[in-house]
Amino acid sequence: MDKRKVLMTGASGYIASLMLPALREHFDLVLADVTDTDRDGNKVNGVQTADFIDPDRSKYAHLFQDVDAVIHLAFKPHTPRGAHTEKPPIDRFDNEHENIQMANNIYRSAYDAGVRRLAIASSNHAADWYEHSLIHNREMDMVRPTDLPISDNFYGWAKAAYELLAYPYACGIFGRKLETVMLRIGFTRPIRIEDYTADNSMSEQTSGGLEEFKRNLGAFISPRDITQLFTKAVDAQNIENEYGVPFVIAYGCSDNTRRFWSIETGRKYLDYQPQDDTEVLYSKEIVKLITGDGTNIRGGKVGI
C-alpha cells in the first residue's frame, strides 16, 4: 500500500521532533519550516524553507501539490530565538494575529490544492480560562471539547481562532469540505523533579512548584501518544459529525489518572487509544514530591 503524502509545517520545531522518527516511516513526508535548523542549530534533514505568514501563497503553493493531508505545527513564538526578554502578555496581540494569518494561508493553500484533511496543532490554551479559574480552584473537574473556547491570554485566543477559522472550510460553504482535526495539545516536556523544587531540596519546595507538578501530571502527553494522535488524525476514515461536517476538536493528553481534559472526541472519531499514564511513568517522583516524608500535600488532580 502506498504511503499517504503528508505536508508537515513547523518541521524543525520541538513537537515535530517528538514524532518525526515514526512519521517518516508511516507517511511520505514533505517537511517545511521557516528555518531548516532546530533551536540548538542542528540541521533537520529534508526541511524546505517557507514563510507561511507571507500573504503571497504562490511562494509555497508547490508544497501542497498532490498532498493528501497537512499536519500544521508551525507558529511564530512571541519570544524570538535569541531574545532575552519577553513582551508582556498584553502586548502579544500583533504576534498572534500573524499566527492566525498563517493558519488561514495554510487552510486556503490546502483547499486550493485539493488536500483531503488537515491535522492542526491547536492547544489546551484555547479554553484555558476554565483551567486557570475553575479547575485549579476545584470548581470544575473536566474541560470538554464542547465547552465554549475561552482563554485569558492572546495565545489561547489565537488557538481558539484557529479552530473557528477552519470551520467554514470544513462545512463546505466554499464548495467542498476540507476535513479538519483540531488537536488541543497538552504538556509535552519531560517531567523532571528538579523543575518543581528549589535547588532540588525537599525543604525548599514552594507551593507554586508543586501546583505546577500536579498540573503537568494531568496535562502530559508522551511522545508515543502524541505520535499516535497525529497519525490517527490523518488516517481516520470518517470524522463527520452527526450533521455531516468533518470537523473534530480533540484534547491531546495521555490517559493520565489526574487528567482534567476529556479525550472523548479523540476516542470516538479518531480511535485514539493513549498508552501512557503519568501516575505510572512518574510514580517515583510522585512519591517523593507529594507523599514523601515531611510533605503535607492535598490529594486530587490539581491544586494543593
C-alpha atoms as a PDB file:
ATOM      1  CA  MET A   1       0.000   0.000   0.000  1.00  0.00           C
ATOM      2  CA  ASP A   2       1.342   3.416  -0.958  1.00  0.00           C
ATOM      3  CA  LYS A   3       2.073   5.814   1.880  1.00  0.00           C
ATOM      4  CA  ARG A   4      -0.043   8.927   2.228  1.00  0.00           C
ATOM      5  CA  LYS A   5       1.785  12.074   1.168  1.00  0.00           C
ATOM      6  CA  VAL A   6       1.676  14.476   4.107  1.00  0.00           C
ATOM      7  CA  LEU A   7       2.991  18.023   4.391  1.00  0.00           C
ATOM      8  CA  MET A   8       4.263  18.912   7.874  1.00  0.00           C
ATOM      9  CA  THR A   9       4.790  22.572   8.723  1.00  0.00           C
ATOM     10  CA  GLY A  10       6.912  23.560  11.696  1.00  0.00           C
ATOM     11  CA  ALA A  11       9.074  20.545  10.936  1.00  0.00           C
ATOM     12  CA  SER A  12      12.155  21.996  12.651  1.00  0.00           C
ATOM     13  CA  GLY A  13      10.317  22.552  15.921  1.00  0.00           C
ATOM     14  CA  TYR A  14      10.177  20.647  19.184  1.00  0.00           C
ATOM     15  CA  ILE A  15       6.760  19.000  18.675  1.00  0.00           C
ATOM     16  CA  ALA A  16       7.843  17.738  15.267  1.00  0.00           C
ATOM     17  CA  SER A  17      10.999  16.267  16.794  1.00  0.00           C
ATOM     18  CA  LEU A  18       8.886  14.035  19.042  1.00  0.00           C
ATOM     19  CA  MET A  19       7.105  12.493  16.063  1.00  0.00           C
ATOM     20  CA  LEU A  20       9.418  12.612  13.065  1.00  0.00           C
ATOM     21  CA  PRO A  21      11.201   9.266  13.571  1.00  0.00           C
ATOM     22  CA  ALA A  22       7.895   7.368  13.484  1.00  0.00           C
ATOM     23  CA  LEU A  23       6.081   9.574  10.977  1.00  0.00           C
ATOM     24  CA  ARG A  24       8.928   9.310   8.461  1.00  0.00           C
ATOM     25  CA  GLU A  25       8.239   5.568   8.429  1.00  0.00           C
ATOM     26  CA  HIS A  26       4.456   5.852   8.226  1.00  0.00           C
ATOM     27  CA  PHE A  27       3.970   8.723   5.746  1.00  0.00           C
ATOM     28  CA  ASP A  28       5.646  10.132   2.647  1.00  0.00           C
ATOM     29  CA  LEU A  29       6.531  13.418   4.333  1.00  0.00           C
ATOM     30  CA  VAL A  30       7.066  16.861   2.834  1.00  0.00           C
ATOM     31  CA  LEU A  31       8.769  18.921   5.556  1.00  0.00           C
ATOM     32  CA  ALA A  32       8.676  22.707   5.737  1.00  0.00           C
ATOM     33  CA  ASP A  33       9.529  25.435   8.204  1.00  0.00           C
ATOM     34  CA  VAL A  34      10.842  28.993   8.260  1.00  0.00           C
ATOM     35  CA  THR A  35      14.276  27.517   9.063  1.00  0.00           C
ATOM     36  CA  ASP A  36      15.889  24.129   8.443  1.00  0.00           C
ATOM     37  CA  THR A  37      17.650  24.038  11.824  1.00  0.00           C
ATOM     38  CA  ASP A  38      16.303  23.269  15.282  1.00  0.00           C
ATOM     39  CA  ARG A  39      16.704  25.509  18.341  1.00  0.00           C
ATOM     40  CA  ASP A  40      20.132  24.019  19.005  1.00  0.00           C
ATOM     41  CA  GLY A  41      21.294  24.868  15.495  1.00  0.00           C
ATOM     42  CA  ASN A  42      21.196  21.283  14.226  1.00  0.00           C
ATOM     43  CA  LYS A  43      20.063  20.794  10.642  1.00  0.00           C
ATOM     44  CA  VAL A  44      16.812  18.862  10.247  1.00  0.00           C
ATOM     45  CA  ASN A  45      17.074  16.602   7.230  1.00  0.00           C
ATOM     46  CA  GLY A  46      14.651  17.222   4.407  1.00  0.00           C
ATOM     47  CA  VAL A  47      13.189  20.532   5.573  1.00  0.00           C
ATOM     48  CA  GLN A  48      12.335  23.063   2.874  1.00  0.00           C
ATOM     49  CA  THR A  49      12.217  26.683   3.991  1.00  0.00           C
ATOM     50  CA  ALA A  50       8.977  28.621   3.620  1.00  0.00           C
ATOM     51  CA  ASP A  51       7.396  31.591   5.383  1.00  0.00           C
ATOM     52  CA  PHE A  52       3.711  30.709   5.717  1.00  0.00           C
ATOM     53  CA  ILE A  53       2.903  34.132   7.167  1.00  0.00           C
ATOM     54  CA  ASP A  54       3.667  35.684   3.766  1.00  0.00           C
ATOM     55  CA  PRO A  55       0.310  36.558   2.138  1.00  0.00           C
ATOM     56  CA  ASP A  56       1.715  35.625  -1.293  1.00  0.00           C
ATOM     57  CA  ARG A  57       0.685  31.964  -1.225  1.00  0.00           C
ATOM     58  CA  SER A  58       2.178  31.350  -4.664  1.00  0.00           C
ATOM     59  CA  LYS A  59       5.604  31.214  -2.978  1.00  0.00           C
ATOM     60  CA  TYR A  60       4.784  27.955  -1.206  1.00  0.00           C
ATOM     61  CA  ALA A  61       1.836  26.573  -3.194  1.00  0.00           C
ATOM     62  CA  HIS A  62       4.098  23.883  -4.669  1.00  0.00           C
ATOM     63  CA  LEU A  63       4.468  22.282  -1.226  1.00  0.00           C
ATOM     64  CA  PHE A  64       0.762  21.417  -1.210  1.00  0.00           C
ATOM     65  CA  GLN A  65       0.654  19.753  -4.616  1.00  0.00           C
ATOM     66  CA  ASP A  66      -0.513  16.096  -4.599  1.00  0.00           C
ATOM     67  CA  VAL A  67      -0.614  16.154  -0.796  1.00  0.00           C
ATOM     68  CA  ASP A  68      -3.260  14.039   0.954  1.00  0.00           C
ATOM     69  CA  ALA A  69      -3.069  15.780   4.343  1.00  0.00           C
ATOM     70  CA  VAL A  70      -1.351  18.629   6.169  1.00  0.00           C
ATOM     71  CA  ILE A  71      -0.004  18.458   9.715  1.00  0.00           C
ATOM     72  CA  HIS A  72       0.261  22.105  10.740  1.00  0.00           C
ATOM     73  CA  LEU A  73       2.634  22.657  13.655  1.00  0.00           C
ATOM     74  CA  ALA A  74       4.228  25.964  12.622  1.00  0.00           C
ATOM     75  CA  PHE A  75       3.721  29.100  14.698  1.00  0.00           C
ATOM     76  CA  LYS A  76       5.569  32.315  15.410  1.00  0.00           C
ATOM     77  CA  PRO A  77       6.611  32.414  19.091  1.00  0.00           C
ATOM     78  CA  HIS A  78       6.215  35.649  20.996  1.00  0.00           C
ATOM     79  CA  THR A  79       9.825  35.299  22.142  1.00  0.00           C
ATOM     80  CA  PRO A  80      12.075  35.002  19.060  1.00  0.00           C
ATOM     81  CA  ARG A  81      15.187  32.865  19.089  1.00  0.00           C
ATOM     82  CA  GLY A  82      17.997  34.598  20.892  1.00  0.00           C
ATOM     83  CA  ALA A  83      15.727  37.087  22.683  1.00  0.00           C
ATOM     84  CA  HIS A  84      16.387  37.565  26.388  1.00  0.00           C
ATOM     85  CA  THR A  85      13.187  39.335  27.374  1.00  0.00           C
ATOM     86  CA  GLU A  86       9.541  38.563  26.768  1.00  0.00           C
ATOM     87  CA  LYS A  87       6.847  41.009  25.795  1.00  0.00           C
ATOM     88  CA  PRO A  88       4.203  41.436  28.498  1.00  0.00           C
ATOM     89  CA  PRO A  89       1.053  39.412  27.732  1.00  0.00           C
ATOM     90  CA  ILE A  90      -0.995  42.495  26.828  1.00  0.00           C
ATOM     91  CA  ASP A  91       1.459  43.357  24.037  1.00  0.00           C
ATOM     92  CA  ARG A  92       1.335  39.996  22.245  1.00  0.00           C
ATOM     93  CA  PHE A  93      -1.713  40.575  20.043  1.00  0.00           C
ATOM     94  CA  ASP A  94       0.195  41.505  16.883  1.00  0.00           C
ATOM     95  CA  ASN A  95       2.279  38.339  17.078  1.00  0.00           C
ATOM     96  CA  GLU A  96      -0.781  36.122  17.478  1.00  0.00           C
ATOM     97  CA  HIS A  97      -2.559  37.981  14.688  1.00  0.00           C
ATOM     98  CA  GLU A  98       0.260  36.842  12.395  1.00  0.00           C
ATOM     99  CA  ASN A  99      -0.232  33.263  13.572  1.00  0.00           C
ATOM    100  CA  ILE A 100      -3.888  33.486  12.575  1.00  0.00           C
ATOM    101  CA  GLN A 101      -2.864  34.874   9.177  1.00  0.00           C
ATOM    102  CA  MET A 102      -0.524  31.898   8.825  1.00  0.00           C
ATOM    103  CA  ALA A 103      -3.305  29.471   9.711  1.00  0.00           C
ATOM    104  CA  ASN A 104      -5.578  30.907   7.034  1.00  0.00           C
ATOM    105  CA  ASN A 105      -2.766  30.717   4.485  1.00  0.00           C
ATOM    106  CA  ILE A 106      -2.402  27.023   5.320  1.00  0.00           C
ATOM    107  CA  TYR A 107      -6.143  26.377   5.101  1.00  0.00           C
ATOM    108  CA  ARG A 108      -6.551  28.261   1.826  1.00  0.00           C
ATOM    109  CA  SER A 109      -3.481  26.678   0.230  1.00  0.00           C
ATOM    110  CA  ALA A 110      -4.708  23.229   1.223  1.00  0.00           C
ATOM    111  CA  TYR A 111      -8.203  23.985  -0.061  1.00  0.00           C
ATOM    112  CA  ASP A 112      -6.946  25.259  -3.394  1.00  0.00           C
ATOM    113  CA  ALA A 113      -4.640  22.251  -3.852  1.00  0.00           C
ATOM    114  CA  GLY A 114      -7.389  19.716  -3.176  1.00  0.00           C
ATOM    115  CA  VAL A 115      -5.909  18.427   0.085  1.00  0.00           C
ATOM    116  CA  ARG A 116      -8.238  15.975   1.836  1.00  0.00           C
ATOM    117  CA  ARG A 117      -7.531  16.657   5.517  1.00  0.00           C
ATOM    118  CA  LEU A 118      -5.873  19.000   7.978  1.00  0.00           C
ATOM    119  CA  ALA A 119      -4.457  17.939  11.359  1.00  0.00           C
ATOM    120  CA  ILE A 120      -3.834  21.205  13.198  1.00  0.00           C
ATOM    121  CA  ALA A 121      -1.861  21.764  16.383  1.00  0.00           C
ATOM    122  CA  SER A 122      -4.288  23.809  18.414  1.00  0.00           C
ATOM    123  CA  SER A 123      -3.627  23.986  22.145  1.00  0.00           C
ATOM    124  CA  ASN A 124      -5.217  23.311  25.503  1.00  0.00           C
ATOM    125  CA  HIS A 125      -4.899  27.088  25.920  1.00  0.00           C
ATOM    126  CA  ALA A 126      -7.836  27.543  23.523  1.00  0.00           C
ATOM    127  CA  ALA A 127     -10.038  27.000  26.575  1.00  0.00           C
ATOM    128  CA  ASP A 128      -7.588  27.613  29.396  1.00  0.00           C
ATOM    129  CA  TRP A 129      -9.769  30.051  31.319  1.00  0.00           C
ATOM    130  CA  TYR A 130     -11.594  27.047  32.756  1.00  0.00           C
ATOM    131  CA  GLU A 131      -8.340  25.546  33.942  1.00  0.00           C
ATOM    132  CA  HIS A 132      -6.949  28.732  35.454  1.00  0.00           C
ATOM    133  CA  SER A 133     -10.178  29.894  37.089  1.00  0.00           C
ATOM    134  CA  LEU A 134     -12.201  26.753  37.818  1.00  0.00           C
ATOM    135  CA  ILE A 135     -10.137  23.551  37.600  1.00  0.00           C
ATOM    136  CA  HIS A 136      -7.357  24.710  39.925  1.00  0.00           C
ATOM    137  CA  ASN A 137      -9.927  26.097  42.362  1.00  0.00           C
ATOM    138  CA  ARG A 138     -11.757  22.746  42.302  1.00  0.00           C
ATOM    139  CA  GLU A 139     -14.962  24.259  40.990  1.00  0.00           C
ATOM    140  CA  MET A 140     -14.811  22.102  37.832  1.00  0.00           C
ATOM    141  CA  ASP A 141     -13.462  18.585  37.267  1.00  0.00           C
ATOM    142  CA  MET A 142     -13.182  18.195  33.489  1.00  0.00           C
ATOM    143  CA  VAL A 143     -12.925  20.510  30.474  1.00  0.00           C
ATOM    144  CA  ARG A 144     -14.585  19.115  27.364  1.00  0.00           C
ATOM    145  CA  PRO A 145     -14.141  19.991  23.667  1.00  0.00           C
ATOM    146  CA  THR A 146     -17.776  21.123  23.593  1.00  0.00           C
ATOM    147  CA  ASP A 147     -17.214  23.835  26.206  1.00  0.00           C
ATOM    148  CA  LEU A 148     -17.126  27.380  24.824  1.00  0.00           C
ATOM    149  CA  PRO A 149     -13.487  28.078  23.837  1.00  0.00           C
ATOM    150  CA  ILE A 150     -12.479  30.966  26.076  1.00  0.00           C
ATOM    151  CA  SER A 151      -8.983  31.995  27.098  1.00  0.00           C
ATOM    152  CA  ASP A 152      -7.488  34.644  29.358  1.00  0.00           C
ATOM    153  CA  ASN A 153      -4.481  35.298  27.093  1.00  0.00           C
ATOM    154  CA  PHE A 154      -3.828  36.167  23.444  1.00  0.00           C
ATOM    155  CA  TYR A 155      -2.031  32.883  22.721  1.00  0.00           C
ATOM    156  CA  GLY A 156      -5.090  30.873  23.757  1.00  0.00           C
ATOM    157  CA  TRP A 157      -7.390  33.303  21.943  1.00  0.00           C
ATOM    158  CA  ALA A 158      -5.393  32.731  18.760  1.00  0.00           C
ATOM    159  CA  LYS A 159      -5.688  28.964  19.094  1.00  0.00           C
ATOM    160  CA  ALA A 160      -9.440  29.266  19.568  1.00  0.00           C
ATOM    161  CA  ALA A 161      -9.478  31.485  16.477  1.00  0.00           C
ATOM    162  CA  TYR A 162      -7.585  28.752  14.565  1.00  0.00           C
ATOM    163  CA  GLU A 163     -10.470  26.429  15.353  1.00  0.00           C
ATOM    164  CA  LEU A 164     -13.276  28.800  14.397  1.00  0.00           C
ATOM    165  CA  LEU A 165     -11.419  29.945  11.282  1.00  0.00           C
ATOM    166  CA  ALA A 166     -11.250  26.391   9.947  1.00  0.00           C
ATOM    167  CA  TYR A 167     -14.969  25.690  10.259  1.00  0.00           C
ATOM    168  CA  PRO A 168     -16.067  27.485   7.052  1.00  0.00           C
ATOM    169  CA  TYR A 169     -13.535  25.386   5.130  1.00  0.00           C
ATOM    170  CA  ALA A 170     -14.807  22.204   6.780  1.00  0.00           C
ATOM    171  CA  CYS A 171     -18.554  22.754   6.455  1.00  0.00           C
ATOM    172  CA  GLY A 172     -18.488  23.024   2.660  1.00  0.00           C
ATOM    173  CA  ILE A 173     -19.765  26.565   2.200  1.00  0.00           C
ATOM    174  CA  PHE A 174     -16.910  27.315  -0.237  1.00  0.00           C
ATOM    175  CA  GLY A 175     -17.700  24.353  -2.488  1.00  0.00           C
ATOM    176  CA  ARG A 176     -16.067  21.316  -0.898  1.00  0.00           C
ATOM    177  CA  LYS A 177     -15.447  20.086   2.620  1.00  0.00           C
ATOM    178  CA  LEU A 178     -11.863  20.344   3.862  1.00  0.00           C
ATOM    179  CA  GLU A 179     -11.719  17.714   6.613  1.00  0.00           C
ATOM    180  CA  THR A 180     -10.232  19.198   9.775  1.00  0.00           C
ATOM    181  CA  VAL A 181      -8.972  17.817  13.083  1.00  0.00           C
ATOM    182  CA  MET A 182      -8.009  20.326  15.773  1.00  0.00           C
ATOM    183  CA  LEU A 183      -5.721  18.831  18.410  1.00  0.00           C
ATOM    184  CA  ARG A 184      -5.503  20.723  21.697  1.00  0.00           C
ATOM    185  CA  ILE A 185      -2.037  19.623  22.696  1.00  0.00           C
ATOM    186  CA  GLY A 186      -1.125  19.356  26.371  1.00  0.00           C
ATOM    187  CA  PHE A 187       2.222  19.378  28.177  1.00  0.00           C
ATOM    188  CA  THR A 188       4.930  17.750  26.048  1.00  0.00           C
ATOM    189  CA  ARG A 189       8.157  18.244  28.022  1.00  0.00           C
ATOM    190  CA  PRO A 190       9.657  15.551  30.263  1.00  0.00           C
ATOM    191  CA  ILE A 191       8.602  15.983  33.898  1.00  0.00           C
ATOM    192  CA  ARG A 192      11.862  16.460  35.800  1.00  0.00           C
ATOM    193  CA  ILE A 193      11.778  16.590  39.570  1.00  0.00           C
ATOM    194  CA  GLU A 194      14.318  19.417  39.718  1.00  0.00           C
ATOM    195  CA  ASP A 195      11.921  21.708  37.840  1.00  0.00           C
ATOM    196  CA  TYR A 196       9.484  21.655  40.748  1.00  0.00           C
ATOM    197  CA  THR A 197      11.849  22.118  43.675  1.00  0.00           C
ATOM    198  CA  ALA A 198      14.263  24.862  44.679  1.00  0.00           C
ATOM    199  CA  ASP A 199      17.845  23.590  44.498  1.00  0.00           C
ATOM    200  CA  ASN A 200      16.323  20.094  44.339  1.00  0.00           C
ATOM    201  CA  SER A 201      15.859  20.208  48.133  1.00  0.00           C
ATOM    202  CA  MET A 202      12.697  18.866  49.731  1.00  0.00           C
ATOM    203  CA  SER A 203      12.885  21.541  52.423  1.00  0.00           C
ATOM    204  CA  GLU A 204      12.941  24.296  49.804  1.00  0.00           C
ATOM    205  CA  GLN A 205       9.786  23.309  47.896  1.00  0.00           C
ATOM    206  CA  THR A 206       7.406  26.074  47.014  1.00  0.00           C
ATOM    207  CA  SER A 207       3.640  25.702  46.732  1.00  0.00           C
ATOM    208  CA  GLY A 208       3.790  27.036  43.163  1.00  0.00           C
ATOM    209  CA  GLY A 209       6.252  24.357  42.129  1.00  0.00           C
ATOM    210  CA  LEU A 210       4.101  21.567  43.491  1.00  0.00           C
ATOM    211  CA  GLU A 211       0.958  23.003  41.933  1.00  0.00           C
ATOM    212  CA  GLU A 212       2.686  23.010  38.570  1.00  0.00           C
ATOM    213  CA  PHE A 213       3.913  19.473  39.146  1.00  0.00           C
ATOM    214  CA  LYS A 214       0.414  18.179  39.836  1.00  0.00           C
ATOM    215  CA  ARG A 215      -0.972  20.148  36.894  1.00  0.00           C
ATOM    216  CA  ASN A 216       1.550  18.652  34.483  1.00  0.00           C
ATOM    217  CA  LEU A 217       0.824  15.128  35.718  1.00  0.00           C
ATOM    218  CA  GLY A 218      -2.671  15.668  34.320  1.00  0.00           C
ATOM    219  CA  ALA A 219      -1.674  17.613  31.195  1.00  0.00           C
ATOM    220  CA  PHE A 220       1.221  15.480  29.944  1.00  0.00           C
ATOM    221  CA  ILE A 221       1.228  13.709  26.579  1.00  0.00           C
ATOM    222  CA  SER A 222       4.020  11.246  25.896  1.00  0.00           C
ATOM    223  CA  PRO A 223       5.963  11.092  22.613  1.00  0.00           C
ATOM    224  CA  ARG A 224       4.320   7.830  21.583  1.00  0.00           C
ATOM    225  CA  ASP A 225       0.837   9.109  22.442  1.00  0.00           C
ATOM    226  CA  ILE A 226       1.231  12.385  20.531  1.00  0.00           C
ATOM    227  CA  THR A 227       2.617  10.423  17.575  1.00  0.00           C
ATOM    228  CA  GLN A 228      -0.390   8.112  17.656  1.00  0.00           C
ATOM    229  CA  LEU A 229      -2.752  11.080  17.941  1.00  0.00           C
ATOM    230  CA  PHE A 230      -1.438  12.886  14.855  1.00  0.00           C
ATOM    231  CA  THR A 231      -1.152   9.646  12.889  1.00  0.00           C
ATOM    232  CA  LYS A 232      -4.771   8.773  13.568  1.00  0.00           C
ATOM    233  CA  ALA A 233      -5.853  12.351  12.894  1.00  0.00           C
ATOM    234  CA  VAL A 234      -4.564  11.847   9.361  1.00  0.00           C
ATOM    235  CA  ASP A 235      -5.632   8.226   8.893  1.00  0.00           C
ATOM    236  CA  ALA A 236      -9.115   8.118  10.485  1.00  0.00           C
ATOM    237  CA  GLN A 237     -11.606   7.050   7.830  1.00  0.00           C
ATOM    238  CA  ASN A 238     -14.672   9.109   8.721  1.00  0.00           C
ATOM    239  CA  ILE A 239     -14.636  12.133  11.011  1.00  0.00           C
ATOM    240  CA  GLU A 240     -18.019  13.571  10.069  1.00  0.00           C
ATOM    241  CA  ASN A 241     -20.242  14.532  12.989  1.00  0.00           C
ATOM    242  CA  GLU A 242     -23.988  13.949  13.176  1.00  0.00           C
ATOM    243  CA  TYR A 243     -24.524  16.965  10.895  1.00  0.00           C
ATOM    244  CA  GLY A 244     -22.203  15.681   8.201  1.00  0.00           C
ATOM    245  CA  VAL A 245     -19.407  18.166   8.951  1.00  0.00           C
ATOM    246  CA  PRO A 246     -15.888  16.633   9.052  1.00  0.00           C
ATOM    247  CA  PHE A 247     -14.632  18.792  11.912  1.00  0.00           C
ATOM    248  CA  VAL A 248     -13.226  17.429  15.181  1.00  0.00           C
ATOM    249  CA  ILE A 249     -11.746  19.120  18.234  1.00  0.00           C
ATOM    250  CA  ALA A 250      -9.852  16.687  20.456  1.00  0.00           C
ATOM    251  CA  TYR A 251      -7.669  17.131  23.505  1.00  0.00           C
ATOM    252  CA  GLY A 252      -4.141  15.783  23.269  1.00  0.00           C
ATOM    253  CA  CYS A 253      -3.005  14.258  26.532  1.00  0.00           C
ATOM    254  CA  SER A 254      -2.076  10.789  27.686  1.00  0.00           C
ATOM    255  CA  ASP A 255      -4.575   8.673  29.622  1.00  0.00           C
ATOM    256  CA  ASN A 256      -3.434  10.219  32.872  1.00  0.00           C
ATOM    257  CA  THR A 257      -5.148   9.373  36.146  1.00  0.00           C
ATOM    258  CA  ARG A 258      -5.028  13.068  37.009  1.00  0.00           C
ATOM    259  CA  ARG A 259      -6.106  14.463  33.628  1.00  0.00           C
ATOM    260  CA  PHE A 260      -8.694  17.224  33.646  1.00  0.00           C
ATOM    261  CA  TRP A 261      -9.390  17.363  29.891  1.00  0.00           C
ATOM    262  CA  SER A 262     -11.809  14.965  28.232  1.00  0.00           C
ATOM    263  CA  ILE A 263     -10.419  12.807  25.417  1.00  0.00           C
ATOM    264  CA  GLU A 264     -13.855  11.515  24.407  1.00  0.00           C
ATOM    265  CA  THR A 265     -13.850  13.027  20.895  1.00  0.00           C
ATOM    266  CA  GLY A 266     -10.379  11.646  20.183  1.00  0.00           C
ATOM    267  CA  ARG A 267     -11.572   8.183  21.153  1.00  0.00           C
ATOM    268  CA  LYS A 268     -14.842   8.471  19.209  1.00  0.00           C
ATOM    269  CA  TYR A 269     -13.706   9.979  15.916  1.00  0.00           C
ATOM    270  CA  LEU A 270     -10.012   9.095  15.722  1.00  0.00           C
ATOM    271  CA  ASP A 271      -9.846   5.864  17.736  1.00  0.00           C
ATOM    272  CA  TYR A 272      -7.186   7.499  19.877  1.00  0.00           C
ATOM    273  CA  GLN A 273      -6.066   4.959  22.469  1.00  0.00           C
ATOM    274  CA  PRO A 274      -3.339   6.559  24.606  1.00  0.00           C
ATOM    275  CA  GLN A 275      -0.878   4.121  26.139  1.00  0.00           C
ATOM    276  CA  ASP A 276       0.720   6.129  28.928  1.00  0.00           C
ATOM    277  CA  ASP A 277      -0.246   7.459  32.353  1.00  0.00           C
ATOM    278  CA  THR A 278       1.959   9.807  34.383  1.00  0.00           C
ATOM    279  CA  GLU A 279       0.868   8.017  37.555  1.00  0.00           C
ATOM    280  CA  VAL A 280       2.968   5.105  36.289  1.00  0.00           C
ATOM    281  CA  LEU A 281       5.651   6.959  34.325  1.00  0.00           C
ATOM    282  CA  TYR A 282       6.456   9.294  37.201  1.00  0.00           C
ATOM    283  CA  SER A 283       5.451   7.169  40.198  1.00  0.00           C
ATOM    284  CA  LYS A 284       8.799   7.689  41.968  1.00  0.00           C
ATOM    285  CA  GLU A 285       8.578  11.459  41.554  1.00  0.00           C
ATOM    286  CA  ILE A 286       5.004  11.449  42.847  1.00  0.00           C
ATOM    287  CA  VAL A 287       6.024   9.533  45.957  1.00  0.00           C
ATOM    288  CA  LYS A 288       8.919  11.868  46.617  1.00  0.00           C
ATOM    289  CA  LEU A 289       7.191  15.185  45.999  1.00  0.00           C
ATOM    290  CA  ILE A 290       3.609  14.535  47.072  1.00  0.00           C
ATOM    291  CA  THR A 291       3.516  11.633  49.517  1.00  0.00           C
ATOM    292  CA  GLY A 292       7.088  11.527  50.799  1.00  0.00           C
ATOM    293  CA  ASP A 293       8.236  12.173  54.344  1.00  0.00           C
ATOM    294  CA  GLY A 294       7.694  15.726  55.503  1.00  0.00           C
ATOM    295  CA  THR A 295       5.123  16.617  52.865  1.00  0.00           C
ATOM    296  CA  ASN A 296       1.638  17.840  53.585  1.00  0.00           C
ATOM    297  CA  ILE A 297       0.023  17.877  50.150  1.00  0.00           C
ATOM    298  CA  ARG A 298      -3.690  17.720  49.478  1.00  0.00           C
ATOM    299  CA  GLY A 299      -4.738  14.803  47.274  1.00  0.00           C
ATOM    300  CA  GLY A 300      -6.529  15.008  43.948  1.00  0.00           C
ATOM    301  CA  LYS A 301      -5.736  16.262  40.491  1.00  0.00           C
ATOM    302  CA  VAL A 302      -4.584  19.842  40.737  1.00  0.00           C
ATOM    303  CA  GLY A 303      -4.077  22.409  43.458  1.00  0.00           C
ATOM    304  CA  ILE A 304      -2.574  21.634  46.831  1.00  0.00           C
END
